[in-house]
Amino acid sequence: MKKTLGPKAILYPAPVVIIGSYGPDGRPNVMTASWVGICCSTPPCVSVSFRPERLSYENILHRKAFTISIPSEKHAVEADYFGMVSGKKQSKLEITGLKAVKGERVDAPYVAEFPVVLECRLRAANPLGCHVQFLGEIMDCKAETSVLDARGLPDMEKVRPLIYVPESGAYYGVGPRIGKAYSLGKKYFPSEEKPE
């Protein structure tokens, strides 16, 4: 039996990412976000939602660009801190000792120590309520060679990204691989049929 919980933002797990942006003065800023996800394949696009009072909101609108750095489990403390304080008051990168790197394809910084980075150009800003959803076209992806698989793509078990459960306010790691997508479900196809 299921119990009604009412309307809640509990689609989980949510990825933990770090949004990088430059202020009008050129100072790098980072913030943690979890309201983020891929929203288009061609062109590759991502959506991320912010409250308008965030410094990142102003920065992205001004520069029309942002980055998404994916931290590994070993940087959980820094990722949490980046979401606890405002860049209006503190230079978060300086305090943590992490390094900002200027994006090659967009006017935004990323975190050098994090294994995977998406460089995004702002395509649209959609007011939704208490958040504004930014749509960013992914102009480039970067990954440390140490986290790549045999195909040259990020390997989840090497990246070891953080995930967030909104209702409990807790971070988790990613568990072991369960199986291959578009393969597990073949069990339900008659042997003479193949999925399209």
Protein backbone atom coordinates (compact mmCIF):
# COMPACT_ATOMS: atom_id res chain seq x y z
CA MET A 1 0.00 0.00 0.00
CA LYS A 2 1.27 3.45 -0.89
CA LYS A 3 0.77 6.55 1.25
CA THR A 4 0.13 9.92 -0.41
CA LEU A 5 2.94 12.37 0.38
CA GLY A 6 1.61 15.34 -1.56
CA PRO A 7 3.46 17.32 -4.22
CA LYS A 8 7.17 17.17 -3.41
CA ALA A 9 10.44 17.45 -5.35
CA ILE A 10 11.56 13.93 -4.53
CA LEU A 11 12.61 12.56 -7.90
CA TYR A 12 15.85 10.97 -6.84
CA PRO A 13 18.64 10.43 -6.75
CA ALA A 14 19.66 13.86 -7.98
CA PRO A 15 23.18 14.47 -9.29
CA VAL A 16 25.48 16.72 -7.28
CA VAL A 17 27.20 19.16 -9.61
CA ILE A 18 29.16 22.35 -9.26
CA ILE A 19 28.12 25.28 -11.43
CA GLY A 20 30.96 27.61 -12.42
CA SER A 21 30.51 31.19 -13.57
CA TYR A 22 32.34 34.50 -13.76
CA GLY A 23 31.04 37.68 -12.21
CA PRO A 24 31.05 41.01 -14.06
CA ASP A 25 34.43 41.70 -12.43
CA GLY A 26 35.90 38.43 -13.75
CA ARG A 27 35.99 36.72 -10.35
CA PRO A 28 35.23 32.97 -10.54
CA ASN A 29 32.31 31.66 -8.53
CA VAL A 30 31.04 28.13 -7.88
CA MET A 31 27.85 26.78 -6.36
CA THR A 32 26.41 23.33 -5.75
CA ALA A 33 23.25 22.38 -7.63
CA SER A 34 21.13 19.26 -7.83
CA TRP A 35 18.15 20.45 -9.89
CA VAL A 36 20.00 19.51 -13.08
CA GLY A 37 19.72 17.04 -15.94
CA ILE A 38 20.18 16.33 -19.63
CA CYS A 39 17.23 17.79 -21.55
CA CYS A 40 18.20 17.27 -25.22
CA SER A 41 20.47 14.95 -27.20
CA THR A 42 20.91 16.93 -30.44
CA PRO A 43 22.20 19.47 -29.81
CA PRO A 44 23.38 18.19 -26.44
CA CYS A 45 21.76 20.38 -23.78
CA VAL A 46 21.41 20.41 -20.02
CA SER A 47 18.97 22.18 -17.72
CA VAL A 48 19.78 23.57 -14.31
CA SER A 49 17.51 25.56 -12.01
CA PHE A 50 18.49 28.41 -9.68
CA ARG A 51 16.78 30.79 -7.35
CA PRO A 52 17.17 34.35 -8.71
CA GLU A 53 18.85 35.57 -5.52
CA ARG A 54 21.91 33.38 -6.18
CA LEU A 55 25.08 35.06 -7.42
CA SER A 56 25.40 32.35 -10.07
CA TYR A 57 22.04 33.42 -11.50
CA GLU A 58 23.27 36.97 -12.08
CA ASN A 59 26.64 35.79 -13.39
CA ILE A 60 25.18 33.39 -15.94
CA LEU A 61 22.73 35.95 -17.29
CA HIS A 62 25.59 38.46 -17.61
CA ARG A 63 28.13 36.12 -19.28
CA LYS A 64 25.66 33.81 -21.10
CA ALA A 65 27.75 30.80 -20.07
CA PHE A 66 28.37 28.33 -17.25
CA THR A 67 30.19 25.10 -16.55
CA ILE A 68 29.11 21.96 -14.76
CA SER A 69 31.88 20.21 -12.85
CA ILE A 70 31.09 16.74 -11.53
CA PRO A 71 32.83 16.14 -8.19
CA SER A 72 33.89 12.69 -7.06
CA GLU A 73 33.11 11.24 -3.63
CA LYS A 74 36.51 12.38 -2.34
CA HIS A 75 35.37 16.01 -2.75
CA ALA A 76 32.04 15.64 -0.91
CA VAL A 77 33.11 18.14 1.78
CA GLU A 78 33.98 20.83 -0.77
CA ALA A 79 30.82 20.17 -2.79
CA ASP A 80 28.71 20.54 0.34
CA TYR A 81 30.52 23.73 1.36
CA PHE A 82 29.99 25.28 -2.10
CA GLY A 83 26.25 25.02 -1.50
CA MET A 84 26.33 26.43 2.04
CA VAL A 85 27.79 29.91 1.53
CA SER A 86 27.30 32.71 -0.96
CA GLY A 87 29.97 33.79 -3.38
CA LYS A 88 28.82 37.35 -2.61
CA LYS A 89 30.53 37.01 0.78
CA GLN A 90 33.36 34.50 0.32
CA SER A 91 35.74 33.26 -2.35
CA LYS A 92 34.84 29.59 -2.03
CA LEU A 93 37.63 28.30 -4.26
CA GLU A 94 40.31 30.19 -2.35
CA ILE A 95 39.01 28.93 0.99
CA THR A 96 38.99 25.28 -0.13
CA GLY A 97 42.26 25.52 -2.04
CA LEU A 98 40.65 24.23 -5.26
CA LYS A 99 41.61 25.81 -8.56
CA ALA A 100 39.43 27.55 -11.14
CA VAL A 101 40.35 26.91 -14.78
CA LYS A 102 39.06 29.14 -17.57
CA GLY A 103 36.81 27.25 -19.95
CA GLU A 104 38.16 26.82 -23.46
CA ARG A 105 34.80 27.03 -25.27
CA VAL A 106 32.72 29.27 -22.98
CA ASP A 107 33.24 32.30 -20.74
CA ALA A 108 33.06 30.41 -17.44
CA PRO A 109 35.46 28.61 -15.07
CA TYR A 110 35.45 24.99 -13.98
CA VAL A 111 37.01 23.20 -11.01
CA ALA A 112 40.37 21.66 -11.98
CA GLU A 113 40.24 18.87 -9.39
CA PHE A 114 36.86 17.46 -10.45
CA PRO A 115 37.06 14.63 -13.01
CA VAL A 116 34.32 15.58 -15.51
CA VAL A 117 33.34 19.01 -16.86
CA LEU A 118 30.66 20.28 -19.24
CA GLU A 119 31.14 23.72 -20.81
CA CYS A 120 27.74 25.26 -21.58
CA ARG A 121 26.45 28.24 -23.54
CA LEU A 122 23.22 29.72 -22.18
CA ARG A 123 20.34 29.17 -24.62
CA ALA A 124 17.31 30.13 -22.53
CA ALA A 125 16.10 31.12 -19.07
CA ASN A 126 12.59 29.96 -18.10
CA PRO A 127 10.93 31.26 -14.91
CA LEU A 128 9.13 28.37 -13.20
CA GLY A 129 8.16 29.63 -9.74
CA CYS A 130 10.77 30.02 -7.02
CA HIS A 131 13.40 28.79 -9.52
CA VAL A 132 14.47 29.82 -13.00
CA GLN A 133 15.51 27.01 -15.31
CA PHE A 134 18.58 27.70 -17.44
CA LEU A 135 19.03 25.67 -20.60
CA GLY A 136 22.63 25.32 -21.64
CA GLU A 137 23.98 23.91 -24.87
CA ILE A 138 26.96 21.69 -24.10
CA MET A 139 29.83 23.08 -26.17
CA ASP A 140 32.48 20.70 -24.83
CA CYS A 141 32.96 17.86 -22.36
CA LYS A 142 36.26 17.25 -20.60
CA ALA A 143 37.31 14.29 -18.48
CA GLU A 144 40.45 13.21 -16.70
CA THR A 145 42.06 10.35 -18.60
CA SER A 146 42.17 8.35 -15.35
CA VAL A 147 38.34 8.07 -15.32
CA LEU A 148 37.87 6.99 -18.95
CA ASP A 149 36.81 3.52 -20.04
CA ALA A 150 38.11 1.54 -23.04
CA ARG A 151 35.81 3.54 -25.37
CA GLY A 152 37.24 6.84 -24.12
CA LEU A 153 34.12 7.81 -22.14
CA PRO A 154 33.74 8.48 -18.40
CA ASP A 155 33.39 5.30 -16.36
CA MET A 156 30.91 5.75 -13.49
CA GLU A 157 32.90 3.51 -11.16
CA LYS A 158 36.04 5.58 -11.77
CA VAL A 159 34.34 8.99 -11.60
CA ARG A 160 32.52 8.03 -8.37
CA PRO A 161 30.02 10.92 -8.56
CA LEU A 162 27.92 12.08 -5.64
CA ILE A 163 24.16 11.81 -5.59
CA TYR A 164 21.73 13.69 -3.38
CA VAL A 165 18.42 12.67 -1.84
CA PRO A 166 16.46 15.92 -1.34
CA GLU A 167 13.96 14.79 1.30
CA SER A 168 16.60 13.35 3.63
CA GLY A 169 19.26 15.93 2.77
CA ALA A 170 21.89 13.20 2.41
CA TYR A 171 24.66 12.46 -0.07
CA TYR A 172 25.36 8.98 -1.39
CA GLY A 173 27.81 7.29 -3.69
CA VAL A 174 26.84 5.31 -6.76
CA GLY A 175 26.50 1.56 -6.31
CA PRO A 176 27.83 -1.23 -8.51
CA ARG A 177 26.83 -1.74 -12.13
CA ILE A 178 23.59 -3.72 -12.48
CA GLY A 179 23.58 -4.37 -16.21
CA LYS A 180 23.65 -2.92 -19.70
CA ALA A 181 20.88 -0.54 -20.84
CA TYR A 182 18.77 -1.68 -23.78
CA SER A 183 19.86 -5.22 -23.00
CA LEU A 184 18.34 -6.22 -19.64
CA GLY A 185 14.80 -5.72 -20.96
CA LYS A 186 15.32 -8.08 -23.90
CA LYS A 187 14.14 -10.82 -21.58
CA TYR A 188 10.56 -9.81 -22.42
CA PHE A 189 10.91 -9.91 -26.22
CA PRO A 190 9.93 -13.07 -28.05
CA SER A 191 13.10 -14.71 -29.36
CA GLU A 192 12.22 -13.89 -33.00
CA GLU A 193 11.60 -10.17 -32.25
CA LYS A 194 14.23 -7.50 -31.73
CA PRO A 195 13.58 -4.06 -30.21
CA GLU A 196 13.74 -1.06 -32.55
